[in-house]
Amino acid sequence: MSNTPASTSTTVDAQWLAERRAAGADLLVLDVRTPAEFESAHIEGSYNVPLDTLKEHRADIARHLDTDVVLVCRSGARAEQADVTLSAAGSDNLHVLRGGMGAWESSGQRVVRGAQRWELERQVRLVAGGIVLSSILTSTVVPRAKWVAGGIGAGLTFAALSNTCAMGMLLSKLPYNQVKGTDPAQLVAQLTGR
């Protein structure tokens, strides 16, 4: 049995969010992707609160979430992690955008675009695939190199089962994925002054 707190949120679709925003509903959209992913494309009026920042400052952030909150990421996995984190900190007005930015864009909703970068998931596929391919090719000369491919396979399996990704977390720290993000104090000030 897991010690992870259960989510208290509901899952919403892009149409629900678009209709609520068009009706002027009092809601807050928190995008938990990396600053680089957020800069590439995001929902207009959303706030970027990277998952690592949210986890580290969950109590401060949760204290200022006094309205409905929609959590967004690329596909929904990081938003679900953010949901569990904020639920454990006492927030009970959370919603997760089902399908994330992919669903938002495919439903034809407006997106603010900036400098284009590869999404973190695509970077993980490139690095994992490259390591597996090179270790298999190397194993024709050094047979034990096949275990590197096995290790990557085990890591990807664990990532799927735990809905986390250590490789993604490491890649998010690379300079390519760093853009000037909102510092936590500035974020809390934005949330209270909106």
N, C-alpha and C. Protein backbone atom coordinates (compact mmCIF):
# COMPACT_ATOMS: atom_id res chain seq x y z
N MET A 1 0.84 -1.18 0.00
CA MET A 1 0.00 0.00 0.00
C MET A 1 0.89 1.24 0.00
N SER A 2 0.50 2.25 -0.75
CA SER A 2 1.30 3.45 -0.91
C SER A 2 1.06 4.44 0.22
N ASN A 3 2.10 5.18 0.59
CA ASN A 3 1.97 6.26 1.57
C ASN A 3 1.66 7.59 0.90
N THR A 4 1.53 7.59 -0.42
CA THR A 4 1.25 8.82 -1.16
C THR A 4 -0.19 9.23 -0.92
N PRO A 5 -0.42 10.51 -0.56
CA PRO A 5 -1.79 10.95 -0.34
C PRO A 5 -2.61 10.88 -1.62
N ALA A 6 -3.87 10.65 -1.47
CA ALA A 6 -4.75 10.57 -2.63
C ALA A 6 -5.06 11.96 -3.15
N SER A 7 -5.35 12.00 -4.43
CA SER A 7 -5.75 13.24 -5.07
C SER A 7 -7.17 13.59 -4.66
N THR A 8 -7.44 14.88 -4.56
CA THR A 8 -8.81 15.32 -4.28
C THR A 8 -9.39 16.03 -5.48
N SER A 9 -8.68 16.04 -6.59
CA SER A 9 -9.10 16.82 -7.74
C SER A 9 -10.02 16.06 -8.66
N THR A 10 -10.54 16.81 -9.62
CA THR A 10 -11.29 16.23 -10.72
C THR A 10 -10.48 16.44 -11.98
N THR A 11 -10.74 15.62 -12.96
CA THR A 11 -10.09 15.77 -14.26
C THR A 11 -11.06 16.51 -15.16
N VAL A 12 -10.56 17.50 -15.87
CA VAL A 12 -11.40 18.29 -16.78
C VAL A 12 -10.80 18.22 -18.18
N ASP A 13 -11.63 18.47 -19.18
CA ASP A 13 -11.12 18.46 -20.54
C ASP A 13 -10.94 19.89 -21.04
N ALA A 14 -10.33 20.01 -22.21
CA ALA A 14 -10.02 21.32 -22.78
C ALA A 14 -11.29 22.13 -23.02
N GLN A 15 -12.34 21.48 -23.44
CA GLN A 15 -13.60 22.19 -23.70
C GLN A 15 -14.15 22.81 -22.42
N TRP A 16 -14.13 22.07 -21.32
CA TRP A 16 -14.60 22.59 -20.03
C TRP A 16 -13.81 23.83 -19.64
N LEU A 17 -12.47 23.74 -19.75
CA LEU A 17 -11.62 24.87 -19.39
C LEU A 17 -11.89 26.06 -20.29
N ALA A 18 -12.00 25.84 -21.59
CA ALA A 18 -12.26 26.94 -22.53
C ALA A 18 -13.60 27.61 -22.23
N GLU A 19 -14.62 26.82 -21.94
CA GLU A 19 -15.94 27.39 -21.63
C GLU A 19 -15.92 28.19 -20.34
N ARG A 20 -15.26 27.67 -19.32
CA ARG A 20 -15.16 28.39 -18.05
C ARG A 20 -14.41 29.70 -18.21
N ARG A 21 -13.32 29.68 -18.98
CA ARG A 21 -12.55 30.91 -19.21
C ARG A 21 -13.36 31.92 -20.00
N ALA A 22 -14.09 31.46 -21.02
CA ALA A 22 -14.92 32.35 -21.84
C ALA A 22 -16.03 32.98 -21.02
N ALA A 23 -16.54 32.24 -20.03
CA ALA A 23 -17.61 32.74 -19.17
C ALA A 23 -17.09 33.66 -18.07
N GLY A 24 -15.75 33.84 -18.00
CA GLY A 24 -15.17 34.71 -16.99
C GLY A 24 -15.11 34.10 -15.60
N ALA A 25 -15.12 32.78 -15.54
CA ALA A 25 -15.06 32.09 -14.24
C ALA A 25 -13.77 32.45 -13.51
N ASP A 26 -13.87 32.53 -12.20
CA ASP A 26 -12.69 32.82 -11.37
C ASP A 26 -11.91 31.52 -11.19
N LEU A 27 -10.91 31.34 -12.04
CA LEU A 27 -10.06 30.16 -11.92
C LEU A 27 -8.64 30.53 -12.28
N LEU A 28 -7.74 29.71 -11.82
CA LEU A 28 -6.31 29.94 -11.98
C LEU A 28 -5.74 28.74 -12.72
N VAL A 29 -4.95 29.00 -13.76
CA VAL A 29 -4.31 27.93 -14.51
C VAL A 29 -2.83 27.91 -14.15
N LEU A 30 -2.38 26.81 -13.54
CA LEU A 30 -0.97 26.64 -13.17
C LEU A 30 -0.35 25.61 -14.10
N ASP A 31 0.66 26.02 -14.84
CA ASP A 31 1.38 25.15 -15.77
C ASP A 31 2.63 24.67 -15.06
N VAL A 32 2.75 23.36 -14.84
CA VAL A 32 3.83 22.81 -14.02
C VAL A 32 5.00 22.28 -14.85
N ARG A 33 5.04 22.63 -16.12
CA ARG A 33 6.16 22.21 -16.97
C ARG A 33 7.38 23.08 -16.68
N THR A 34 8.49 22.76 -17.30
CA THR A 34 9.71 23.55 -17.13
C THR A 34 9.51 24.93 -17.74
N PRO A 35 10.29 25.92 -17.29
CA PRO A 35 10.19 27.25 -17.89
C PRO A 35 10.42 27.24 -19.40
N ALA A 36 11.33 26.39 -19.89
CA ALA A 36 11.59 26.32 -21.32
C ALA A 36 10.36 25.79 -22.08
N GLU A 37 9.71 24.76 -21.54
CA GLU A 37 8.50 24.23 -22.17
C GLU A 37 7.39 25.28 -22.15
N PHE A 38 7.26 25.97 -21.02
CA PHE A 38 6.25 27.02 -20.89
C PHE A 38 6.49 28.12 -21.90
N GLU A 39 7.76 28.52 -22.06
CA GLU A 39 8.09 29.57 -23.02
C GLU A 39 7.73 29.15 -24.44
N SER A 40 7.91 27.88 -24.77
CA SER A 40 7.61 27.40 -26.12
C SER A 40 6.13 27.56 -26.46
N ALA A 41 5.26 27.19 -25.54
CA ALA A 41 3.81 27.31 -25.76
C ALA A 41 3.09 27.16 -24.44
N HIS A 42 2.14 28.05 -24.19
CA HIS A 42 1.34 27.94 -22.96
C HIS A 42 -0.03 28.57 -23.16
N ILE A 43 -0.91 28.26 -22.24
CA ILE A 43 -2.27 28.81 -22.26
C ILE A 43 -2.19 30.26 -21.80
N GLU A 44 -2.82 31.13 -22.56
CA GLU A 44 -2.79 32.55 -22.23
C GLU A 44 -3.32 32.78 -20.81
N GLY A 45 -2.58 33.59 -20.06
CA GLY A 45 -2.98 33.91 -18.69
C GLY A 45 -2.59 32.89 -17.64
N SER A 46 -1.91 31.82 -18.06
CA SER A 46 -1.51 30.79 -17.09
C SER A 46 -0.22 31.22 -16.39
N TYR A 47 0.03 30.63 -15.23
CA TYR A 47 1.23 30.89 -14.45
C TYR A 47 2.13 29.67 -14.52
N ASN A 48 3.43 29.91 -14.72
CA ASN A 48 4.38 28.81 -14.76
C ASN A 48 4.92 28.54 -13.36
N VAL A 49 4.60 27.36 -12.84
CA VAL A 49 5.10 26.91 -11.54
C VAL A 49 5.70 25.52 -11.77
N PRO A 50 6.99 25.46 -12.15
CA PRO A 50 7.61 24.16 -12.43
C PRO A 50 7.37 23.19 -11.28
N LEU A 51 7.19 21.93 -11.61
CA LEU A 51 6.85 20.91 -10.62
C LEU A 51 7.83 20.89 -9.45
N ASP A 52 9.14 21.02 -9.73
CA ASP A 52 10.13 21.03 -8.64
C ASP A 52 9.88 22.21 -7.69
N THR A 53 9.61 23.37 -8.25
CA THR A 53 9.33 24.57 -7.43
C THR A 53 8.06 24.37 -6.63
N LEU A 54 7.04 23.82 -7.27
CA LEU A 54 5.77 23.59 -6.60
C LEU A 54 5.95 22.63 -5.42
N LYS A 55 6.71 21.57 -5.63
CA LYS A 55 6.93 20.61 -4.55
C LYS A 55 7.69 21.24 -3.39
N GLU A 56 8.69 22.06 -3.72
CA GLU A 56 9.52 22.67 -2.68
C GLU A 56 8.76 23.74 -1.89
N HIS A 57 7.85 24.45 -2.52
CA HIS A 57 7.14 25.56 -1.89
C HIS A 57 5.63 25.31 -1.81
N ARG A 58 5.25 24.05 -1.72
CA ARG A 58 3.83 23.69 -1.76
C ARG A 58 2.98 24.38 -0.72
N ALA A 59 3.49 24.51 0.50
CA ALA A 59 2.68 25.12 1.56
C ALA A 59 2.40 26.59 1.26
N ASP A 60 3.43 27.34 0.83
CA ASP A 60 3.24 28.75 0.48
C ASP A 60 2.27 28.90 -0.69
N ILE A 61 2.45 28.07 -1.69
CA ILE A 61 1.59 28.16 -2.88
C ILE A 61 0.17 27.76 -2.53
N ALA A 62 -0.01 26.66 -1.81
CA ALA A 62 -1.35 26.18 -1.47
C ALA A 62 -2.13 27.20 -0.66
N ARG A 63 -1.44 27.95 0.20
CA ARG A 63 -2.11 28.97 1.02
C ARG A 63 -2.78 30.05 0.16
N HIS A 64 -2.29 30.26 -1.05
CA HIS A 64 -2.79 31.34 -1.90
C HIS A 64 -3.70 30.85 -3.02
N LEU A 65 -4.10 29.61 -2.96
CA LEU A 65 -4.99 29.06 -3.98
C LEU A 65 -6.42 29.08 -3.44
N ASP A 66 -7.04 30.24 -3.52
CA ASP A 66 -8.37 30.41 -2.93
C ASP A 66 -9.50 30.33 -3.97
N THR A 67 -9.19 29.88 -5.15
CA THR A 67 -10.17 29.73 -6.21
C THR A 67 -9.93 28.41 -6.92
N ASP A 68 -10.77 28.05 -7.87
CA ASP A 68 -10.53 26.83 -8.63
C ASP A 68 -9.20 26.92 -9.36
N VAL A 69 -8.44 25.83 -9.34
CA VAL A 69 -7.13 25.76 -9.95
C VAL A 69 -7.12 24.63 -10.96
N VAL A 70 -6.65 24.92 -12.18
CA VAL A 70 -6.48 23.89 -13.20
C VAL A 70 -4.98 23.69 -13.39
N LEU A 71 -4.53 22.47 -13.18
CA LEU A 71 -3.12 22.11 -13.31
C LEU A 71 -2.86 21.56 -14.71
N VAL A 72 -1.80 22.06 -15.35
CA VAL A 72 -1.52 21.72 -16.74
C VAL A 72 -0.06 21.31 -16.88
N CYS A 73 0.19 20.30 -17.71
CA CYS A 73 1.54 19.95 -18.13
C CYS A 73 1.45 19.52 -19.59
N ARG A 74 2.39 18.75 -20.07
CA ARG A 74 2.35 18.35 -21.47
C ARG A 74 1.25 17.33 -21.73
N SER A 75 1.20 16.28 -20.88
CA SER A 75 0.24 15.21 -21.14
C SER A 75 -0.69 14.91 -19.97
N GLY A 76 -0.37 15.41 -18.80
CA GLY A 76 -1.19 15.19 -17.61
C GLY A 76 -0.46 14.53 -16.47
N ALA A 77 0.67 13.87 -16.73
CA ALA A 77 1.38 13.12 -15.68
C ALA A 77 1.96 14.05 -14.60
N ARG A 78 2.65 15.11 -15.01
CA ARG A 78 3.22 16.03 -14.01
C ARG A 78 2.12 16.81 -13.30
N ALA A 79 1.04 17.12 -14.02
CA ALA A 79 -0.09 17.81 -13.39
C ALA A 79 -0.70 16.93 -12.30
N GLU A 80 -0.76 15.62 -12.53
CA GLU A 80 -1.27 14.70 -11.50
C GLU A 80 -0.35 14.67 -10.29
N GLN A 81 0.97 14.74 -10.52
CA GLN A 81 1.91 14.79 -9.39
C GLN A 81 1.72 16.09 -8.61
N ALA A 82 1.53 17.19 -9.34
CA ALA A 82 1.29 18.48 -8.68
C ALA A 82 0.00 18.44 -7.88
N ASP A 83 -1.00 17.78 -8.41
CA ASP A 83 -2.28 17.63 -7.73
C ASP A 83 -2.10 16.91 -6.39
N VAL A 84 -1.38 15.81 -6.41
CA VAL A 84 -1.14 15.06 -5.17
C VAL A 84 -0.37 15.92 -4.17
N THR A 85 0.63 16.65 -4.66
CA THR A 85 1.43 17.52 -3.79
C THR A 85 0.58 18.60 -3.15
N LEU A 86 -0.23 19.29 -3.95
CA LEU A 86 -1.06 20.38 -3.42
C LEU A 86 -2.20 19.86 -2.56
N SER A 87 -2.72 18.69 -2.90
CA SER A 87 -3.77 18.07 -2.07
C SER A 87 -3.23 17.77 -0.68
N ALA A 88 -1.99 17.26 -0.63
CA ALA A 88 -1.36 16.95 0.66
C ALA A 88 -1.11 18.22 1.47
N ALA A 89 -0.98 19.36 0.77
CA ALA A 89 -0.75 20.64 1.45
C ALA A 89 -2.06 21.33 1.82
N GLY A 90 -3.19 20.67 1.53
CA GLY A 90 -4.47 21.20 1.97
C GLY A 90 -5.36 21.81 0.91
N SER A 91 -4.93 21.86 -0.34
CA SER A 91 -5.78 22.41 -1.40
C SER A 91 -6.83 21.39 -1.80
N ASP A 92 -8.06 21.87 -1.95
CA ASP A 92 -9.13 20.94 -2.35
C ASP A 92 -9.94 21.46 -3.53
N ASN A 93 -9.42 22.46 -4.21
CA ASN A 93 -10.12 23.07 -5.33
C ASN A 93 -9.36 22.86 -6.64
N LEU A 94 -8.81 21.67 -6.81
CA LEU A 94 -7.90 21.38 -7.91
C LEU A 94 -8.58 20.60 -9.03
N HIS A 95 -8.13 20.88 -10.24
CA HIS A 95 -8.57 20.17 -11.43
C HIS A 95 -7.32 19.90 -12.27
N VAL A 96 -7.27 18.74 -12.92
CA VAL A 96 -6.16 18.41 -13.80
C VAL A 96 -6.69 18.41 -15.23
N LEU A 97 -6.00 19.14 -16.12
CA LEU A 97 -6.40 19.17 -17.53
C LEU A 97 -6.03 17.85 -18.18
N ARG A 98 -7.03 17.05 -18.50
CA ARG A 98 -6.82 15.74 -19.12
C ARG A 98 -6.15 15.91 -20.48
N GLY A 99 -5.04 15.25 -20.68
CA GLY A 99 -4.32 15.33 -21.94
C GLY A 99 -3.39 16.53 -22.05
N GLY A 100 -3.41 17.41 -21.05
CA GLY A 100 -2.49 18.54 -20.97
C GLY A 100 -2.51 19.45 -22.17
N MET A 101 -1.35 20.04 -22.45
CA MET A 101 -1.22 21.00 -23.56
C MET A 101 -1.52 20.34 -24.90
N GLY A 102 -1.22 19.06 -25.01
CA GLY A 102 -1.52 18.35 -26.26
C GLY A 102 -3.01 18.40 -26.56
N ALA A 103 -3.82 18.12 -25.54
CA ALA A 103 -5.28 18.15 -25.71
C ALA A 103 -5.77 19.57 -25.94
N TRP A 104 -5.19 20.53 -25.24
CA TRP A 104 -5.59 21.94 -25.40
C TRP A 104 -5.35 22.41 -26.84
N GLU A 105 -4.15 22.11 -27.35
CA GLU A 105 -3.83 22.52 -28.71
C GLU A 105 -4.66 21.77 -29.74
N SER A 106 -4.83 20.47 -29.57
CA SER A 106 -5.57 19.70 -30.57
C SER A 106 -7.05 20.05 -30.59
N SER A 107 -7.56 20.66 -29.51
CA SER A 107 -8.96 21.09 -29.51
C SER A 107 -9.13 22.46 -30.17
N GLY A 108 -8.01 23.03 -30.65
CA GLY A 108 -8.07 24.29 -31.38
C GLY A 108 -8.05 25.53 -30.51
N GLN A 109 -7.68 25.38 -29.24
CA GLN A 109 -7.67 26.53 -28.33
C GLN A 109 -6.43 27.40 -28.55
N ARG A 110 -6.53 28.66 -28.18
CA ARG A 110 -5.45 29.62 -28.37
C ARG A 110 -4.26 29.28 -27.47
N VAL A 111 -3.07 29.42 -28.06
CA VAL A 111 -1.81 29.14 -27.36
C VAL A 111 -0.87 30.32 -27.58
N VAL A 112 -0.19 30.74 -26.55
CA VAL A 112 0.85 31.77 -26.66
C VAL A 112 2.16 31.05 -26.98
N ARG A 113 2.81 31.44 -28.05
CA ARG A 113 4.05 30.78 -28.47
C ARG A 113 5.25 31.71 -28.29
N GLY A 114 6.36 31.09 -27.90
CA GLY A 114 7.63 31.81 -27.75
C GLY A 114 8.72 31.03 -28.44
N ALA A 115 9.94 31.14 -27.94
CA ALA A 115 11.08 30.40 -28.50
C ALA A 115 10.78 28.90 -28.43
N GLN A 116 10.98 28.22 -29.54
CA GLN A 116 10.64 26.80 -29.61
C GLN A 116 11.80 25.93 -29.12
N ARG A 117 11.46 25.00 -28.24
CA ARG A 117 12.40 24.01 -27.72
C ARG A 117 11.72 22.65 -27.75
N TRP A 118 12.54 21.61 -27.75
CA TRP A 118 11.97 20.28 -27.68
C TRP A 118 11.33 20.09 -26.31
N GLU A 119 10.18 19.42 -26.30
CA GLU A 119 9.52 19.09 -25.03
C GLU A 119 10.37 18.08 -24.28
N LEU A 120 10.25 18.08 -22.98
CA LEU A 120 11.06 17.21 -22.13
C LEU A 120 10.86 15.74 -22.49
N GLU A 121 9.63 15.34 -22.76
CA GLU A 121 9.37 13.94 -23.10
C GLU A 121 10.12 13.54 -24.38
N ARG A 122 10.17 14.43 -25.36
CA ARG A 122 10.89 14.14 -26.60
C ARG A 122 12.38 14.02 -26.32
N GLN A 123 12.91 14.85 -25.44
CA GLN A 123 14.33 14.77 -25.08
C GLN A 123 14.64 13.44 -24.40
N VAL A 124 13.73 12.99 -23.53
CA VAL A 124 13.92 11.69 -22.86
C VAL A 124 13.96 10.57 -23.89
N ARG A 125 13.04 10.61 -24.85
CA ARG A 125 13.02 9.56 -25.89
C ARG A 125 14.32 9.56 -26.68
N LEU A 126 14.84 10.76 -27.01
CA LEU A 126 16.09 10.85 -27.76
C LEU A 126 17.25 10.28 -26.96
N VAL A 127 17.41 10.70 -25.73
CA VAL A 127 18.54 10.25 -24.91
C VAL A 127 18.43 8.76 -24.62
N ALA A 128 17.26 8.30 -24.18
CA ALA A 128 17.10 6.87 -23.88
C ALA A 128 17.32 6.02 -25.13
N GLY A 129 16.74 6.42 -26.24
CA GLY A 129 16.92 5.68 -27.49
C GLY A 129 18.37 5.67 -27.93
N GLY A 130 19.04 6.81 -27.80
CA GLY A 130 20.45 6.89 -28.18
C GLY A 130 21.33 5.99 -27.32
N ILE A 131 21.05 5.97 -26.03
CA ILE A 131 21.84 5.11 -25.13
C ILE A 131 21.60 3.64 -25.45
N VAL A 132 20.34 3.27 -25.66
CA VAL A 132 20.03 1.86 -25.97
C VAL A 132 20.68 1.46 -27.29
N LEU A 133 20.51 2.28 -28.32
CA LEU A 133 21.09 1.96 -29.63
C LEU A 133 22.60 1.83 -29.55
N SER A 134 23.27 2.80 -28.91
CA SER A 134 24.73 2.74 -28.85
C SER A 134 25.22 1.58 -27.99
N SER A 135 24.50 1.23 -26.93
CA SER A 135 24.95 0.11 -26.10
C SER A 135 24.75 -1.22 -26.82
N ILE A 136 23.68 -1.34 -27.60
CA ILE A 136 23.48 -2.58 -28.37
C ILE A 136 24.56 -2.70 -29.44
N LEU A 137 24.84 -1.60 -30.15
CA LEU A 137 25.89 -1.65 -31.17
C LEU A 137 27.24 -1.96 -30.53
N THR A 138 27.52 -1.34 -29.38
CA THR A 138 28.79 -1.58 -28.68
C THR A 138 28.87 -3.03 -28.18
N SER A 139 27.72 -3.62 -27.87
CA SER A 139 27.73 -5.00 -27.33
C SER A 139 28.19 -6.02 -28.37
N THR A 140 28.25 -5.64 -29.65
CA THR A 140 28.79 -6.57 -30.64
C THR A 140 30.29 -6.74 -30.46
N VAL A 141 30.93 -5.75 -29.83
CA VAL A 141 32.36 -5.80 -29.55
C VAL A 141 32.62 -6.08 -28.07
N VAL A 142 31.84 -5.43 -27.21
CA VAL A 142 31.97 -5.58 -25.76
C VAL A 142 30.63 -6.13 -25.25
N PRO A 143 30.48 -7.46 -25.15
CA PRO A 143 29.19 -8.06 -24.83
C PRO A 143 28.48 -7.51 -23.58
N ARG A 144 29.23 -7.10 -22.60
CA ARG A 144 28.60 -6.61 -21.37
C ARG A 144 27.90 -5.26 -21.56
N ALA A 145 28.12 -4.58 -22.64
CA ALA A 145 27.49 -3.28 -22.90
C ALA A 145 25.97 -3.43 -23.03
N LYS A 146 25.50 -4.64 -23.31
CA LYS A 146 24.05 -4.85 -23.43
C LYS A 146 23.33 -4.54 -22.11
N TRP A 147 24.06 -4.62 -21.00
CA TRP A 147 23.44 -4.36 -19.70
C TRP A 147 23.09 -2.88 -19.52
N VAL A 148 23.77 -2.01 -20.25
CA VAL A 148 23.42 -0.59 -20.22
C VAL A 148 22.01 -0.43 -20.81
N ALA A 149 21.76 -1.10 -21.94
CA ALA A 149 20.42 -1.06 -22.55
C ALA A 149 19.39 -1.64 -21.59
N GLY A 150 19.77 -2.72 -20.90
CA GLY A 150 18.87 -3.30 -19.90
C GLY A 150 18.56 -2.34 -18.77
N GLY A 151 19.57 -1.60 -18.33
CA GLY A 151 19.37 -0.60 -17.27
C GLY A 151 18.43 0.51 -17.70
N ILE A 152 18.58 0.96 -18.93
CA ILE A 152 17.67 2.00 -19.46
C ILE A 152 16.25 1.45 -19.56
N GLY A 153 16.13 0.20 -20.01
CA GLY A 153 14.80 -0.43 -20.07
C GLY A 153 14.16 -0.53 -18.70
N ALA A 154 14.95 -0.92 -17.71
CA ALA A 154 14.43 -1.01 -16.34
C ALA A 154 14.01 0.36 -15.83
N GLY A 155 14.82 1.38 -16.13
CA GLY A 155 14.50 2.74 -15.71
C GLY A 155 13.21 3.24 -16.34
N LEU A 156 13.02 2.97 -17.63
CA LEU A 156 11.80 3.39 -18.32
C LEU A 156 10.58 2.64 -17.77
N THR A 157 10.76 1.37 -17.44
CA THR A 157 9.67 0.60 -16.86
C THR A 157 9.27 1.18 -15.51
N PHE A 158 10.27 1.47 -14.68
CA PHE A 158 9.99 2.07 -13.38
C PHE A 158 9.32 3.43 -13.55
N ALA A 159 9.79 4.23 -14.52
CA ALA A 159 9.19 5.54 -14.78
C ALA A 159 7.71 5.41 -15.12
N ALA A 160 7.37 4.42 -15.92
CA ALA A 160 5.97 4.22 -16.28
C ALA A 160 5.14 3.77 -15.09
N LEU A 161 5.66 2.84 -14.30
CA LEU A 161 4.91 2.32 -13.16
C LEU A 161 4.75 3.34 -12.05
N SER A 162 5.76 4.19 -11.84
CA SER A 162 5.72 5.17 -10.76
C SER A 162 5.20 6.53 -11.22
N ASN A 163 5.01 6.68 -12.53
CA ASN A 163 4.56 7.95 -13.11
C ASN A 163 5.52 9.08 -12.77
N THR A 164 6.82 8.76 -12.73
CA THR A 164 7.88 9.74 -12.52
C THR A 164 8.94 9.49 -13.59
N CYS A 165 9.87 10.40 -13.73
CA CYS A 165 10.93 10.18 -14.72
C CYS A 165 12.21 10.83 -14.25
N ALA A 166 13.12 10.02 -13.72
CA ALA A 166 14.40 10.53 -13.23
C ALA A 166 15.19 11.15 -14.37
N MET A 167 15.18 10.53 -15.55
CA MET A 167 15.92 11.09 -16.68
C MET A 167 15.35 12.45 -17.07
N GLY A 168 14.04 12.57 -17.06
CA GLY A 168 13.41 13.86 -17.36
C GLY A 168 13.80 14.93 -16.36
N MET A 169 13.84 14.54 -15.08
CA MET A 169 14.24 15.50 -14.04
C MET A 169 15.68 15.95 -14.24
N LEU A 170 16.56 15.02 -14.63
CA LEU A 170 17.95 15.38 -14.89
C LEU A 170 18.07 16.28 -16.12
N LEU A 171 17.37 15.91 -17.18
CA LEU A 171 17.43 16.72 -18.41
C LEU A 171 16.88 18.12 -18.19
N SER A 172 15.90 18.26 -17.31
CA SER A 172 15.31 19.59 -17.07
C SER A 172 16.33 20.54 -16.44
N LYS A 173 17.41 20.00 -15.87
CA LYS A 173 18.45 20.84 -15.24
C LYS A 173 19.51 21.32 -16.24
N LEU A 174 19.51 20.79 -17.47
CA LEU A 174 20.50 21.19 -18.47
C LEU A 174 20.31 22.64 -18.88
N PRO A 175 21.39 23.33 -19.25
CA PRO A 175 21.28 24.74 -19.67
C PRO A 175 20.25 24.95 -20.80
N TYR A 176 20.16 24.00 -21.72
CA TYR A 176 19.20 24.12 -22.82
C TYR A 176 17.77 24.29 -22.30
N ASN A 177 17.47 23.67 -21.20
CA ASN A 177 16.12 23.72 -20.64
C ASN A 177 15.92 24.82 -19.61
N GLN A 178 16.93 25.65 -19.44
CA GLN A 178 16.82 26.72 -18.45
C GLN A 178 16.51 28.04 -19.14
N VAL A 179 15.46 28.66 -18.72
CA VAL A 179 15.15 30.04 -19.10
C VAL A 179 14.82 30.74 -17.81
N LYS A 180 14.80 32.04 -17.86
CA LYS A 180 14.49 32.78 -16.64
C LYS A 180 13.07 32.45 -16.21
N GLY A 181 12.96 31.75 -15.12
CA GLY A 181 11.64 31.39 -14.59
C GLY A 181 11.24 32.33 -13.46
N THR A 182 10.06 32.14 -12.96
CA THR A 182 9.57 32.94 -11.85
C THR A 182 10.13 32.37 -10.56
N ASP A 183 10.71 33.23 -9.73
CA ASP A 183 11.18 32.72 -8.45
C ASP A 183 9.97 32.55 -7.53
N PRO A 184 10.06 31.66 -6.55
CA PRO A 184 8.91 31.32 -5.71
C PRO A 184 8.27 32.52 -5.02
N ALA A 185 9.09 33.44 -4.50
CA ALA A 185 8.53 34.61 -3.82
C ALA A 185 7.74 35.48 -4.79
N GLN A 186 8.29 35.65 -6.00
CA GLN A 186 7.60 36.43 -7.03
C GLN A 186 6.30 35.73 -7.44
N LEU A 187 6.33 34.42 -7.52
CA LEU A 187 5.13 33.67 -7.88
C LEU A 187 4.03 33.85 -6.85
N VAL A 188 4.36 33.71 -5.58
CA VAL A 188 3.37 33.89 -4.52
C VAL A 188 2.80 35.30 -4.57
N ALA A 189 3.66 36.30 -4.83
CA ALA A 189 3.19 37.68 -4.94
C ALA A 189 2.22 37.82 -6.11
N GLN A 190 2.51 37.14 -7.23
CA GLN A 190 1.60 37.19 -8.38
C GLN A 190 0.27 36.54 -8.04
N LEU A 191 0.30 35.43 -7.34
CA LEU A 191 -0.94 34.73 -6.99
C LEU A 191 -1.80 35.55 -6.05
N THR A 192 -1.17 36.27 -5.12
CA THR A 192 -1.96 37.06 -4.17
C THR A 192 -2.44 38.37 -4.78
N GLY A 193 -1.71 38.88 -5.78
CA GLY A 193 -2.09 40.16 -6.38
C GLY A 193 -2.89 40.06 -7.65
N ARG A 194 -3.24 38.88 -8.08
CA ARG A 194 -3.91 38.75 -9.38
C ARG A 194 -5.33 39.28 -9.34
